[in-house]
C-alpha atoms as a PDB file:
ATOM      1  CA  UNK A   1     -28.277 -22.482 -65.822  1.00  0.00           C
ATOM      2  CA  UNK A   2     -31.155 -20.929 -68.060  1.00  0.00           C
ATOM      3  CA  UNK A   3     -32.422 -24.391 -68.600  1.00  0.00           C
ATOM      4  CA  UNK A   4     -32.706 -25.136 -65.026  1.00  0.00           C
ATOM      5  CA  UNK A   5     -34.476 -21.627 -64.773  1.00  0.00           C
ATOM      6  CA  UNK A   6     -36.658 -22.286 -67.475  1.00  0.00           C
ATOM      7  CA  UNK A   7     -37.833 -25.571 -66.098  1.00  0.00           C
ATOM      8  CA  UNK A   8     -37.866 -24.354 -62.652  1.00  0.00           C
ATOM      9  CA  UNK A   9     -40.553 -21.381 -63.734  1.00  0.00           C
ATOM     10  CA  UNK A  10     -42.460 -24.012 -65.804  1.00  0.00           C
ATOM     11  CA  UNK A  11     -42.581 -26.287 -62.871  1.00  0.00           C
ATOM     12  CA  UNK A  12     -43.785 -23.486 -60.826  1.00  0.00           C
ATOM     13  CA  UNK A  13     -46.226 -22.643 -63.274  1.00  0.00           C
ATOM     14  CA  UNK A  14     -47.883 -25.798 -63.304  1.00  0.00           C
ATOM     15  CA  UNK A  15     -48.263 -26.303 -59.366  1.00  0.00           C
ATOM     16  CA  UNK A  16     -49.815 -22.734 -59.105  1.00  0.00           C
ATOM     17  CA  UNK A  17     -51.983 -24.265 -61.726  1.00  0.00           C
ATOM     18  CA  UNK A  18     -53.038 -27.406 -59.479  1.00  0.00           C
ATOM     19  CA  UNK A  19     -53.041 -25.026 -56.611  1.00  0.00           C
ATOM     20  CA  UNK A  20     -55.748 -23.060 -58.014  1.00  0.00           C
ATOM     21  CA  UNK A  21     -57.547 -25.410 -60.063  1.00  0.00           C
ATOM     22  CA  UNK A  22     -61.350 -25.136 -59.138  1.00  0.00           C
ATOM     23  CA  UNK A  23     -60.784 -23.102 -56.500  1.00  0.00           C
ATOM     24  CA  UNK A  24     -63.803 -20.869 -55.078  1.00  0.00           C
ATOM     25  CA  UNK A  25     -61.581 -17.767 -54.949  1.00  0.00           C
ATOM     26  CA  UNK A  26     -64.176 -15.951 -52.668  1.00  0.00           C
ATOM     27  CA  UNK A  27     -63.874 -18.509 -50.154  1.00  0.00           C
ATOM     28  CA  UNK A  28     -60.226 -17.835 -50.190  1.00  0.00           C
ATOM     29  CA  UNK A  29     -60.644 -14.212 -49.915  1.00  0.00           C
ATOM     30  CA  UNK A  30     -62.603 -14.497 -46.889  1.00  0.00           C
ATOM     31  CA  UNK A  31     -60.126 -17.176 -45.408  1.00  0.00           C
ATOM     32  CA  UNK A  32     -57.407 -14.108 -46.053  1.00  0.00           C
ATOM     33  CA  UNK A  33     -59.689 -11.362 -44.223  1.00  0.00           C
ATOM     34  CA  UNK A  34     -60.794 -13.342 -41.265  1.00  0.00           C
ATOM     35  CA  UNK A  35     -57.457 -14.166 -40.181  1.00  0.00           C
ATOM     36  CA  UNK A  36     -56.240 -12.808 -36.695  1.00  0.00           C
ATOM     37  CA  UNK A  37     -53.628 -10.683 -37.644  1.00  0.00           C
ATOM     38  CA  UNK A  38     -52.331 -10.856 -33.952  1.00  0.00           C
ATOM     39  CA  UNK A  39     -50.744 -14.309 -34.408  1.00  0.00           C
ATOM     40  CA  UNK A  40     -49.252 -13.560 -37.529  1.00  0.00           C
ATOM     41  CA  UNK A  41     -47.391 -10.948 -35.853  1.00  0.00           C
ATOM     42  CA  UNK A  42     -46.538 -13.692 -32.966  1.00  0.00           C
ATOM     43  CA  UNK A  43     -45.238 -15.967 -36.189  1.00  0.00           C
ATOM     44  CA  UNK A  44     -42.971 -13.472 -37.135  1.00  0.00           C
ATOM     45  CA  UNK A  45     -41.430 -13.251 -33.623  1.00  0.00           C
ATOM     46  CA  UNK A  46     -41.248 -16.990 -33.549  1.00  0.00           C
ATOM     47  CA  UNK A  47     -39.617 -17.130 -37.243  1.00  0.00           C
ATOM     48  CA  UNK A  48     -37.284 -14.438 -36.214  1.00  0.00           C
ATOM     49  CA  UNK A  49     -36.116 -16.762 -33.551  1.00  0.00           C
ATOM     50  CA  UNK A  50     -35.494 -19.425 -35.702  1.00  0.00           C
ATOM     51  CA  UNK A  51     -32.890 -17.501 -37.834  1.00  0.00           C
ATOM     52  CA  UNK A  52     -31.468 -16.584 -34.377  1.00  0.00           C
ATOM     53  CA  UNK A  53     -30.939 -20.436 -33.655  1.00  0.00           C
ATOM     54  CA  UNK A  54     -29.616 -21.477 -37.094  1.00  0.00           C
ATOM     55  CA  UNK A  55     -27.277 -18.940 -37.109  1.00  0.00           C
ATOM     56  CA  UNK A  56     -25.994 -19.864 -33.421  1.00  0.00           C
ATOM     57  CA  UNK A  57     -25.915 -23.490 -34.452  1.00  0.00           C
ATOM     58  CA  UNK A  58     -23.848 -22.582 -37.679  1.00  0.00           C
ATOM     59  CA  UNK A  59     -21.410 -20.935 -35.596  1.00  0.00           C
ATOM     60  CA  UNK A  60     -21.110 -24.113 -33.500  1.00  0.00           C
ATOM     61  CA  UNK A  61     -20.240 -25.985 -36.830  1.00  0.00           C
ATOM     62  CA  UNK A  62     -17.900 -23.612 -37.756  1.00  0.00           C
ATOM     63  CA  UNK A  63     -15.945 -23.273 -34.441  1.00  0.00           C
ATOM     64  CA  UNK A  64     -13.561 -26.372 -35.155  1.00  0.00           C
ATOM     65  CA  UNK A  65     -12.114 -23.975 -37.904  1.00  0.00           C
ATOM     66  CA  UNK A  66     -12.574 -20.530 -36.474  1.00  0.00           C
ATOM     67  CA  UNK A  67     -14.746 -18.898 -33.620  1.00  0.00           C
ATOM     68  CA  UNK A  68     -17.180 -16.390 -35.362  1.00  0.00           C
ATOM     69  CA  UNK A  69     -18.907 -13.334 -33.763  1.00  0.00           C
ATOM     70  CA  UNK A  70     -22.601 -13.739 -33.309  1.00  0.00           C
ATOM     71  CA  UNK A  71     -23.165 -10.417 -35.199  1.00  0.00           C
ATOM     72  CA  UNK A  72     -21.468 -11.548 -38.363  1.00  0.00           C
ATOM     73  CA  UNK A  73     -22.998 -14.928 -38.352  1.00  0.00           C
ATOM     74  CA  UNK A  74     -26.642 -13.460 -37.937  1.00  0.00           C
ATOM     75  CA  UNK A  75     -25.629 -11.206 -40.778  1.00  0.00           C
ATOM     76  CA  UNK A  76     -24.304 -13.663 -43.343  1.00  0.00           C
ATOM     77  CA  UNK A  77     -26.917 -16.253 -42.533  1.00  0.00           C
ATOM     78  CA  UNK A  78     -29.394 -13.941 -43.121  1.00  0.00           C
ATOM     79  CA  UNK A  79     -28.062 -12.635 -46.390  1.00  0.00           C
ATOM     80  CA  UNK A  80     -27.514 -16.395 -47.247  1.00  0.00           C
ATOM     81  CA  UNK A  81     -31.138 -16.947 -46.739  1.00  0.00           C
ATOM     82  CA  UNK A  82     -32.155 -14.182 -49.059  1.00  0.00           C
ATOM     83  CA  UNK A  83     -29.889 -15.580 -52.012  1.00  0.00           C
ATOM     84  CA  UNK A  84     -31.250 -18.746 -51.885  1.00  0.00           C
ATOM     85  CA  UNK A  85     -34.641 -17.603 -51.965  1.00  0.00           C
ATOM     86  CA  UNK A  86     -33.838 -14.965 -54.878  1.00  0.00           C
ATOM     87  CA  UNK A  87     -31.053 -17.233 -57.152  1.00  0.00           C
ATOM     88  CA  UNK A  88     -32.452 -20.036 -58.876  1.00  0.00           C
ATOM     89  CA  UNK A  89     -31.148 -23.577 -59.179  1.00  0.00           C
ATOM     90  CA  UNK A  90     -30.079 -23.699 -55.465  1.00  0.00           C
ATOM     91  CA  UNK A  91     -26.916 -21.631 -56.546  1.00  0.00           C
ATOM     92  CA  UNK A  92     -27.715 -19.539 -53.633  1.00  0.00           C
ATOM     93  CA  UNK A  93     -26.938 -22.217 -51.034  1.00  0.00           C
ATOM     94  CA  UNK A  94     -23.262 -21.281 -51.804  1.00  0.00           C
ATOM     95  CA  UNK A  95     -23.772 -17.565 -50.945  1.00  0.00           C
ATOM     96  CA  UNK A  96     -23.225 -18.344 -47.137  1.00  0.00           C
ATOM     97  CA  UNK A  97     -20.214 -20.065 -47.608  1.00  0.00           C
ATOM     98  CA  UNK A  98     -18.868 -17.183 -49.805  1.00  0.00           C
ATOM     99  CA  UNK A  99     -19.513 -14.095 -47.536  1.00  0.00           C
ATOM    100  CA  UNK A 100     -18.047 -16.304 -44.515  1.00  0.00           C
ATOM    101  CA  UNK A 101     -14.780 -16.632 -46.069  1.00  0.00           C
ATOM    102  CA  UNK A 102     -14.651 -12.918 -46.551  1.00  0.00           C
ATOM    103  CA  UNK A 103     -14.988 -12.484 -42.823  1.00  0.00           C
ATOM    104  CA  UNK A 104     -12.837 -14.983 -41.624  1.00  0.00           C
ATOM    105  CA  UNK A 105      -9.860 -16.984 -42.721  1.00  0.00           C
ATOM    106  CA  UNK A 106     -12.146 -20.184 -43.362  1.00  0.00           C
ATOM    107  CA  UNK A 107     -11.382 -21.367 -46.947  1.00  0.00           C
ATOM    108  CA  UNK A 108     -14.648 -21.917 -49.392  1.00  0.00           C
ATOM    109  CA  UNK A 109     -14.310 -25.639 -49.638  1.00  0.00           C
ATOM    110  CA  UNK A 110     -14.220 -25.776 -45.543  1.00  0.00           C
ATOM    111  CA  UNK A 111     -17.225 -23.596 -45.585  1.00  0.00           C
ATOM    112  CA  UNK A 112     -19.119 -25.322 -48.088  1.00  0.00           C
ATOM    113  CA  UNK A 113     -18.385 -28.388 -45.961  1.00  0.00           C
ATOM    114  CA  UNK A 114     -20.041 -26.901 -42.952  1.00  0.00           C
ATOM    115  CA  UNK A 115     -23.286 -26.179 -44.845  1.00  0.00           C
ATOM    116  CA  UNK A 116     -22.805 -30.018 -45.965  1.00  0.00           C
ATOM    117  CA  UNK A 117     -22.915 -31.026 -42.383  1.00  0.00           C
ATOM    118  CA  UNK A 118     -25.858 -28.339 -41.052  1.00  0.00           C
ATOM    119  CA  UNK A 119     -28.074 -30.289 -43.996  1.00  0.00           C
ATOM    120  CA  UNK A 120     -27.325 -33.451 -42.893  1.00  0.00           C
ATOM    121  CA  UNK A 121     -28.397 -32.322 -39.032  1.00  0.00           C
ATOM    122  CA  UNK A 122     -31.542 -30.868 -40.414  1.00  0.00           C
ATOM    123  CA  UNK A 123     -32.512 -34.200 -42.186  1.00  0.00           C
ATOM    124  CA  UNK A 124     -31.364 -36.144 -38.806  1.00  0.00           C
ATOM    125  CA  UNK A 125     -33.566 -33.584 -36.852  1.00  0.00           C
ATOM    126  CA  UNK A 126     -36.240 -33.451 -38.939  1.00  0.00           C
ATOM    127  CA  UNK A 127     -36.416 -37.466 -39.335  1.00  0.00           C
ATOM    128  CA  UNK A 128     -36.457 -37.670 -35.407  1.00  0.00           C
ATOM    129  CA  UNK A 129     -39.625 -35.922 -35.281  1.00  0.00           C
ATOM    130  CA  UNK A 130     -41.143 -37.401 -38.511  1.00  0.00           C
ATOM    131  CA  UNK A 131     -40.823 -40.741 -36.257  1.00  0.00           C
ATOM    132  CA  UNK A 132     -42.405 -39.902 -33.364  1.00  0.00           C
ATOM    133  CA  UNK A 133     -45.609 -38.393 -35.346  1.00  0.00           C
ATOM    134  CA  UNK A 134     -47.482 -41.580 -36.070  1.00  0.00           C
ATOM    135  CA  UNK A 135     -47.595 -42.079 -32.350  1.00  0.00           C
ATOM    136  CA  UNK A 136     -49.966 -38.897 -32.257  1.00  0.00           C
ATOM    137  CA  UNK A 137     -51.826 -38.988 -35.244  1.00  0.00           C
ATOM    138  CA  UNK A 138     -52.078 -40.872 -38.249  1.00  0.00           C
ATOM    139  CA  UNK A 139     -50.157 -40.469 -41.689  1.00  0.00           C
ATOM    140  CA  UNK A 140     -50.507 -41.195 -45.532  1.00  0.00           C
ATOM    141  CA  UNK A 141     -48.405 -44.162 -46.481  1.00  0.00           C
ATOM    142  CA  UNK A 142     -47.022 -41.846 -48.960  1.00  0.00           C
ATOM    143  CA  UNK A 143     -45.702 -39.737 -46.621  1.00  0.00           C
ATOM    144  CA  UNK A 144     -44.382 -42.892 -44.466  1.00  0.00           C
ATOM    145  CA  UNK A 145     -42.275 -44.187 -47.715  1.00  0.00           C
ATOM    146  CA  UNK A 146     -41.385 -40.457 -48.591  1.00  0.00           C
ATOM    147  CA  UNK A 147     -39.972 -40.267 -44.991  1.00  0.00           C
ATOM    148  CA  UNK A 148     -38.003 -43.751 -45.187  1.00  0.00           C
ATOM    149  CA  UNK A 149     -36.561 -42.633 -48.628  1.00  0.00           C
ATOM    150  CA  UNK A 150     -35.433 -39.170 -47.205  1.00  0.00           C
ATOM    151  CA  UNK A 151     -33.945 -41.617 -43.949  1.00  0.00           C
ATOM    152  CA  UNK A 152     -31.697 -43.547 -46.098  1.00  0.00           C
ATOM    153  CA  UNK A 153     -30.455 -40.801 -48.292  1.00  0.00           C
ATOM    154  CA  UNK A 154     -29.509 -38.948 -45.109  1.00  0.00           C
ATOM    155  CA  UNK A 155     -28.067 -41.932 -43.663  1.00  0.00           C
ATOM    156  CA  UNK A 156     -25.908 -42.626 -46.858  1.00  0.00           C
ATOM    157  CA  UNK A 157     -24.364 -38.818 -46.522  1.00  0.00           C
ATOM    158  CA  UNK A 158     -24.058 -39.267 -42.865  1.00  0.00           C
ATOM    159  CA  UNK A 159     -21.928 -42.661 -43.603  1.00  0.00           C
ATOM    160  CA  UNK A 160     -19.654 -40.622 -46.292  1.00  0.00           C
ATOM    161  CA  UNK A 161     -19.269 -37.789 -44.046  1.00  0.00           C
ATOM    162  CA  UNK A 162     -17.667 -40.126 -41.189  1.00  0.00           C
ATOM    163  CA  UNK A 163     -16.132 -41.695 -43.870  1.00  0.00           C
ATOM    164  CA  UNK A 164     -14.210 -38.620 -45.130  1.00  0.00           C
ATOM    165  CA  UNK A 165     -13.443 -37.702 -41.426  1.00  0.00           C
ATOM    166  CA  UNK A 166     -12.131 -40.540 -40.083  1.00  0.00           C
ATOM    167  CA  UNK A 167     -10.917 -42.208 -43.309  1.00  0.00           C
ATOM    168  CA  UNK A 168      -9.508 -39.346 -44.892  1.00  0.00           C
ATOM    169  CA  UNK A 169      -5.546 -40.484 -45.495  1.00  0.00           C
ATOM    170  CA  UNK A 170      -7.038 -44.141 -46.731  1.00  0.00           C
ATOM    171  CA  UNK A 171      -9.553 -42.487 -49.130  1.00  0.00           C
ATOM    172  CA  UNK A 172      -6.840 -40.304 -50.945  1.00  0.00           C
ATOM    173  CA  UNK A 173      -4.639 -43.480 -50.645  1.00  0.00           C
ATOM    174  CA  UNK A 174      -7.496 -45.007 -52.827  1.00  0.00           C
ATOM    175  CA  UNK A 175      -7.877 -42.089 -54.907  1.00  0.00           C
ATOM    176  CA  UNK A 176      -4.278 -41.790 -56.397  1.00  0.00           C
ATOM    177  CA  UNK A 177      -4.566 -43.724 -59.676  1.00  0.00           C
ATOM    178  CA  UNK A 178      -7.271 -40.698 -60.501  1.00  0.00           C
ATOM    179  CA  UNK A 179      -5.064 -38.335 -59.241  1.00  0.00           C
ATOM    180  CA  UNK A 180      -2.556 -39.740 -61.584  1.00  0.00           C
ATOM    181  CA  UNK A 181      -4.424 -39.100 -64.839  1.00  0.00           C
ATOM    182  CA  UNK A 182      -4.334 -35.338 -64.223  1.00  0.00           C
ATOM    183  CA  UNK A 183      -1.879 -32.823 -64.252  1.00  0.00           C
ATOM    184  CA  UNK A 184       0.362 -31.969 -61.477  1.00  0.00           C
ATOM    185  CA  UNK A 185      -1.355 -28.973 -60.780  1.00  0.00           C
ATOM    186  CA  UNK A 186      -4.569 -30.152 -61.189  1.00  0.00           C
ATOM    187  CA  UNK A 187      -4.141 -33.013 -58.922  1.00  0.00           C
ATOM    188  CA  UNK A 188      -2.561 -30.639 -56.181  1.00  0.00           C
ATOM    189  CA  UNK A 189      -5.825 -28.790 -56.805  1.00  0.00           C
ATOM    190  CA  UNK A 190      -8.581 -31.243 -56.099  1.00  0.00           C
ATOM    191  CA  UNK A 191      -6.185 -32.793 -53.521  1.00  0.00           C
ATOM    192  CA  UNK A 192      -6.395 -29.405 -51.596  1.00  0.00           C
ATOM    193  CA  UNK A 193     -10.174 -29.167 -52.223  1.00  0.00           C
ATOM    194  CA  UNK A 194     -10.699 -32.462 -50.863  1.00  0.00           C
ATOM    195  CA  UNK A 195      -8.685 -31.603 -47.759  1.00  0.00           C
ATOM    196  CA  UNK A 196     -10.435 -28.217 -47.090  1.00  0.00           C
ATOM    197  CA  UNK A 197     -13.727 -29.771 -47.704  1.00  0.00           C
ATOM    198  CA  UNK A 198     -13.151 -32.666 -45.150  1.00  0.00           C
ATOM    199  CA  UNK A 199     -11.986 -30.093 -42.624  1.00  0.00           C
ATOM    200  CA  UNK A 200     -15.139 -28.541 -43.005  1.00  0.00           C
ATOM    201  CA  UNK A 201     -16.847 -31.452 -41.532  1.00  0.00           C
ATOM    202  CA  UNK A 202     -14.224 -31.719 -38.156  1.00  0.00           C
ATOM    203  CA  UNK A 203     -17.481 -31.264 -35.789  1.00  0.00           C
ATOM    204  CA  UNK A 204     -17.955 -34.830 -36.499  1.00  0.00           C
ATOM    205  CA  UNK A 205     -15.009 -35.611 -34.126  1.00  0.00           C
ATOM    206  CA  UNK A 206     -16.062 -33.374 -31.352  1.00  0.00           C
ATOM    207  CA  UNK A 207     -18.537 -35.303 -29.247  1.00  0.00           C
ATOM    208  CA  UNK A 208     -19.188 -32.270 -27.330  1.00  0.00           C
ATOM    209  CA  UNK A 209     -20.502 -30.247 -30.109  1.00  0.00           C
ATOM    210  CA  UNK A 210     -22.097 -32.829 -31.715  1.00  0.00           C
ATOM    211  CA  UNK A 211     -24.398 -33.233 -28.690  1.00  0.00           C
ATOM    212  CA  UNK A 212     -25.012 -29.108 -28.846  1.00  0.00           C
ATOM    213  CA  UNK A 213     -25.619 -28.852 -32.566  1.00  0.00           C
ATOM    214  CA  UNK A 214     -27.859 -31.846 -32.305  1.00  0.00           C
ATOM    215  CA  UNK A 215     -30.106 -30.254 -29.108  1.00  0.00           C
ATOM    216  CA  UNK A 216     -30.049 -27.092 -31.306  1.00  0.00           C
ATOM    217  CA  UNK A 217     -31.371 -28.509 -34.495  1.00  0.00           C
ATOM    218  CA  UNK A 218     -34.435 -30.440 -32.666  1.00  0.00           C
ATOM    219  CA  UNK A 219     -34.761 -26.969 -31.309  1.00  0.00           C
ATOM    220  CA  UNK A 220     -35.005 -25.129 -34.606  1.00  0.00           C
ATOM    221  CA  UNK A 221     -37.397 -27.812 -35.820  1.00  0.00           C
ATOM    222  CA  UNK A 222     -39.515 -27.676 -33.257  1.00  0.00           C
ATOM    223  CA  UNK A 223     -39.759 -23.988 -33.380  1.00  0.00           C
ATOM    224  CA  UNK A 224     -40.811 -24.061 -36.823  1.00  0.00           C
ATOM    225  CA  UNK A 225     -43.528 -26.508 -35.830  1.00  0.00           C
ATOM    226  CA  UNK A 226     -44.566 -24.093 -33.027  1.00  0.00           C
ATOM    227  CA  UNK A 227     -44.823 -21.296 -36.138  1.00  0.00           C
ATOM    228  CA  UNK A 228     -46.887 -23.459 -38.250  1.00  0.00           C
ATOM    229  CA  UNK A 229     -49.350 -24.421 -34.976  1.00  0.00           C
ATOM    230  CA  UNK A 230     -49.685 -20.768 -34.456  1.00  0.00           C
ATOM    231  CA  UNK A 231     -51.055 -20.033 -37.988  1.00  0.00           C
ATOM    232  CA  UNK A 232     -53.148 -22.968 -37.368  1.00  0.00           C
ATOM    233  CA  UNK A 233     -54.803 -20.838 -34.708  1.00  0.00           C
ATOM    234  CA  UNK A 234     -54.579 -17.516 -36.623  1.00  0.00           C
ATOM    235  CA  UNK A 235     -56.828 -19.138 -39.161  1.00  0.00           C
ATOM    236  CA  UNK A 236     -58.951 -20.898 -36.548  1.00  0.00           C
ATOM    237  CA  UNK A 237     -57.940 -24.418 -37.644  1.00  0.00           C
ATOM    238  CA  UNK A 238     -59.044 -27.258 -34.969  1.00  0.00           C
ATOM    239  CA  UNK A 239     -55.745 -29.066 -35.460  1.00  0.00           C
ATOM    240  CA  UNK A 240     -53.520 -31.138 -32.931  1.00  0.00           C
ATOM    241  CA  UNK A 241     -49.678 -29.786 -32.665  1.00  0.00           C
ATOM    242  CA  UNK A 242     -48.916 -33.181 -34.783  1.00  0.00           C
ATOM    243  CA  UNK A 243     -50.966 -31.887 -37.962  1.00  0.00           C
ATOM    244  CA  UNK A 244     -48.100 -29.051 -37.865  1.00  0.00           C
ATOM    245  CA  UNK A 245     -45.340 -31.697 -37.763  1.00  0.00           C
ATOM    246  CA  UNK A 246     -46.611 -33.587 -40.640  1.00  0.00           C
ATOM    247  CA  UNK A 247     -47.413 -30.046 -42.816  1.00  0.00           C
ATOM    248  CA  UNK A 248     -43.723 -29.141 -41.966  1.00  0.00           C
ATOM    249  CA  UNK A 249     -42.465 -32.628 -43.415  1.00  0.00           C
ATOM    250  CA  UNK A 250     -44.737 -32.358 -46.481  1.00  0.00           C
ATOM    251  CA  UNK A 251     -43.428 -28.689 -46.987  1.00  0.00           C
ATOM    252  CA  UNK A 252     -39.596 -29.715 -46.666  1.00  0.00           C
ATOM    253  CA  UNK A 253     -40.223 -32.297 -49.302  1.00  0.00           C
ATOM    254  CA  UNK A 254     -41.806 -30.131 -51.475  1.00  0.00           C
ATOM    255  CA  UNK A 255     -39.685 -27.200 -51.604  1.00  0.00           C
ATOM    256  CA  UNK A 256     -36.627 -29.343 -52.064  1.00  0.00           C
ATOM    257  CA  UNK A 257     -37.998 -29.678 -55.472  1.00  0.00           C
ATOM    258  CA  UNK A 258     -35.762 -27.058 -57.649  1.00  0.00           C
ATOM    259  CA  UNK A 259     -38.845 -24.476 -58.786  1.00  0.00           C
ATOM    260  CA  UNK A 260     -39.090 -20.324 -59.472  1.00  0.00           C
ATOM    261  CA  UNK A 261     -37.005 -18.388 -57.146  1.00  0.00           C
ATOM    262  CA  UNK A 262     -39.125 -18.176 -53.939  1.00  0.00           C
ATOM    263  CA  UNK A 263     -40.611 -21.592 -53.906  1.00  0.00           C
ATOM    264  CA  UNK A 264     -43.457 -20.267 -55.874  1.00  0.00           C
ATOM    265  CA  UNK A 265     -45.716 -22.932 -56.565  1.00  0.00           C
ATOM    266  CA  UNK A 266     -44.463 -25.853 -54.824  1.00  0.00           C
ATOM    267  CA  UNK A 267     -45.053 -24.183 -51.295  1.00  0.00           C
ATOM    268  CA  UNK A 268     -48.346 -23.731 -52.076  1.00  0.00           C
ATOM    269  CA  UNK A 269     -49.018 -27.190 -53.686  1.00  0.00           C
ATOM    270  CA  UNK A 270     -47.657 -29.243 -51.027  1.00  0.00           C
ATOM    271  CA  UNK A 271     -49.228 -26.636 -48.358  1.00  0.00           C
ATOM    272  CA  UNK A 272     -52.782 -27.552 -49.771  1.00  0.00           C
ATOM    273  CA  UNK A 273     -51.817 -31.419 -49.664  1.00  0.00           C
ATOM    274  CA  UNK A 274     -50.574 -31.381 -46.272  1.00  0.00           C
ATOM    275  CA  UNK A 275     -53.808 -29.900 -44.951  1.00  0.00           C
ATOM    276  CA  UNK A 276     -56.091 -31.842 -46.935  1.00  0.00           C
ATOM    277  CA  UNK A 277     -54.618 -34.619 -45.133  1.00  0.00           C
ATOM    278  CA  UNK A 278     -56.239 -33.260 -41.942  1.00  0.00           C
ATOM    279  CA  UNK A 279     -59.575 -32.484 -43.881  1.00  0.00           C
ATOM    280  CA  UNK A 280     -59.069 -28.765 -44.429  1.00  0.00           C
ATOM    281  CA  UNK A 281     -60.883 -27.762 -47.668  1.00  0.00           C
ATOM    282  CA  UNK A 282     -58.725 -26.331 -50.512  1.00  0.00           C
ATOM    283  CA  UNK A 283     -59.705 -22.568 -50.182  1.00  0.00           C
ATOM    284  CA  UNK A 284     -59.111 -22.981 -46.666  1.00  0.00           C
ATOM    285  CA  UNK A 285     -55.790 -24.336 -47.341  1.00  0.00           C
ATOM    286  CA  UNK A 286     -55.013 -22.121 -49.997  1.00  0.00           C
ATOM    287  CA  UNK A 287     -55.370 -18.888 -48.091  1.00  0.00           C
ATOM    288  CA  UNK A 288     -53.474 -20.292 -45.388  1.00  0.00           C
ATOM    289  CA  UNK A 289     -50.713 -21.367 -47.852  1.00  0.00           C
ATOM    290  CA  UNK A 290     -50.685 -17.795 -49.155  1.00  0.00           C
ATOM    291  CA  UNK A 291     -50.247 -16.057 -45.911  1.00  0.00           C
ATOM    292  CA  UNK A 292     -47.826 -18.502 -44.514  1.00  0.00           C
ATOM    293  CA  UNK A 293     -45.701 -18.025 -48.143  1.00  0.00           C
ATOM    294  CA  UNK A 294     -46.009 -14.561 -47.629  1.00  0.00           C
ATOM    295  CA  UNK A 295     -44.789 -14.345 -43.905  1.00  0.00           C
ATOM    296  CA  UNK A 296     -42.135 -16.916 -43.995  1.00  0.00           C
ATOM    297  CA  UNK A 297     -40.484 -15.439 -46.951  1.00  0.00           C
ATOM    298  CA  UNK A 298     -41.232 -12.074 -46.293  1.00  0.00           C
ATOM    299  CA  UNK A 299     -39.268 -12.013 -43.056  1.00  0.00           C
ATOM    300  CA  UNK A 300     -36.347 -13.795 -44.813  1.00  0.00           C
ATOM    301  CA  UNK A 301     -36.408 -10.818 -47.318  1.00  0.00           C
ATOM    302  CA  UNK A 302     -36.474  -8.119 -45.026  1.00  0.00           C
ATOM    303  CA  UNK A 303     -33.692  -9.258 -42.770  1.00  0.00           C
ATOM    304  CA  UNK A 304     -31.496 -10.143 -45.720  1.00  0.00           C
ATOM    305  CA  UNK A 305     -32.018  -6.585 -47.192  1.00  0.00           C
ATOM    306  CA  UNK A 306     -31.662  -5.363 -43.810  1.00  0.00           C
ATOM    307  CA  UNK A 307     -27.847  -6.716 -43.411  1.00  0.00           C
ATOM    308  CA  UNK A 308     -27.304  -6.927 -47.464  1.00  0.00           C
ATOM    309  CA  UNK A 309     -24.970  -3.554 -47.017  1.00  0.00           C
ATOM    310  CA  UNK A 310     -22.712  -5.652 -44.544  1.00  0.00           C
ATOM    311  CA  UNK A 311     -22.490  -8.579 -46.986  1.00  0.00           C
ATOM    312  CA  UNK A 312     -22.301  -7.437 -50.991  1.00  0.00           C
ATOM    313  CA  UNK A 313     -21.842 -10.099 -53.440  1.00  0.00           C
ATOM    314  CA  UNK A 314     -22.849 -10.520 -56.984  1.00  0.00           C
ATOM    315  CA  UNK A 315     -23.457 -13.518 -58.680  1.00  0.00           C
ATOM    316  CA  UNK A 316     -20.280 -13.194 -60.965  1.00  0.00           C
ATOM    317  CA  UNK A 317     -17.737 -12.513 -57.843  1.00  0.00           C
ATOM    318  CA  UNK A 318     -19.449 -15.577 -56.198  1.00  0.00           C
ATOM    319  CA  UNK A 319     -18.725 -17.934 -59.790  1.00  0.00           C
ATOM    320  CA  UNK A 320     -15.283 -16.384 -59.698  1.00  0.00           C
ATOM    321  CA  UNK A 321     -14.504 -17.728 -55.864  1.00  0.00           C
ATOM    322  CA  UNK A 322     -16.180 -20.997 -56.661  1.00  0.00           C
ATOM    323  CA  UNK A 323     -14.032 -21.386 -59.722  1.00  0.00           C
ATOM    324  CA  UNK A 324     -10.767 -20.494 -57.626  1.00  0.00           C
ATOM    325  CA  UNK A 325     -11.496 -22.447 -54.753  1.00  0.00           C
END
């Protein structure tokens, strides 16, 4: 973990250097000063709505396992996203599954399965929007290629998910030679974890819930596009809504790279890269990236800290729970 943290910090530092290299900082400051902050407040309201929708969707994915009240879902979700920001090496992704097990009878491995499903829906939702984007604006070839790679990776994970749910018994039978090499205790543990994880994917068999979650997923990402477009207006950028979609996709690719906590560096670099596609000068793009990052991460930190007293946990307790699952 220390090696990953050091590597992430070094990569963040390098991306920060690339972001500010040759920049006219007076122009950056002018961009920060001239922003219409009324739109920034509207951005925060839309970002809050996105968090609400995320928690509602997670509740739907969890429903085949147990129905969780909305306050608990929203509370746990916000602390979980705070953990993603604050804890390096993507370990924070496990905070939500861990916290929901403390509020319900859902096993940790089942909860991890629901996060896996959530990520697949997110990928498919973004890809659906990405497929429609070239109809409204031109996109660079490298972004098309990256989206295509992203598509096939998502299809692979979706195929594995469906197979795990529908052909679970057949897969367990195929894995019997592997289980035989383990001690009885370890074999039972692995089999139990396998069952729990596949139970977390149960929504795949519920068509009604699938439709509802799919609709919510598209809504979540369209709300994200709306938030970006609101910031375009705040900065006076004369860009079409399709540009907000492209920037969102570029940024999603960028923050998938494990860097320092808070996505420092990769957020700014890829934001500048995305805006550069539409001819936005680098100083103005950096001003936008700074405010966009500050507002997006800021609201997650505030909401996370607000609900943290209701969802206390530590890295050591998280590690213990993971090892004991």
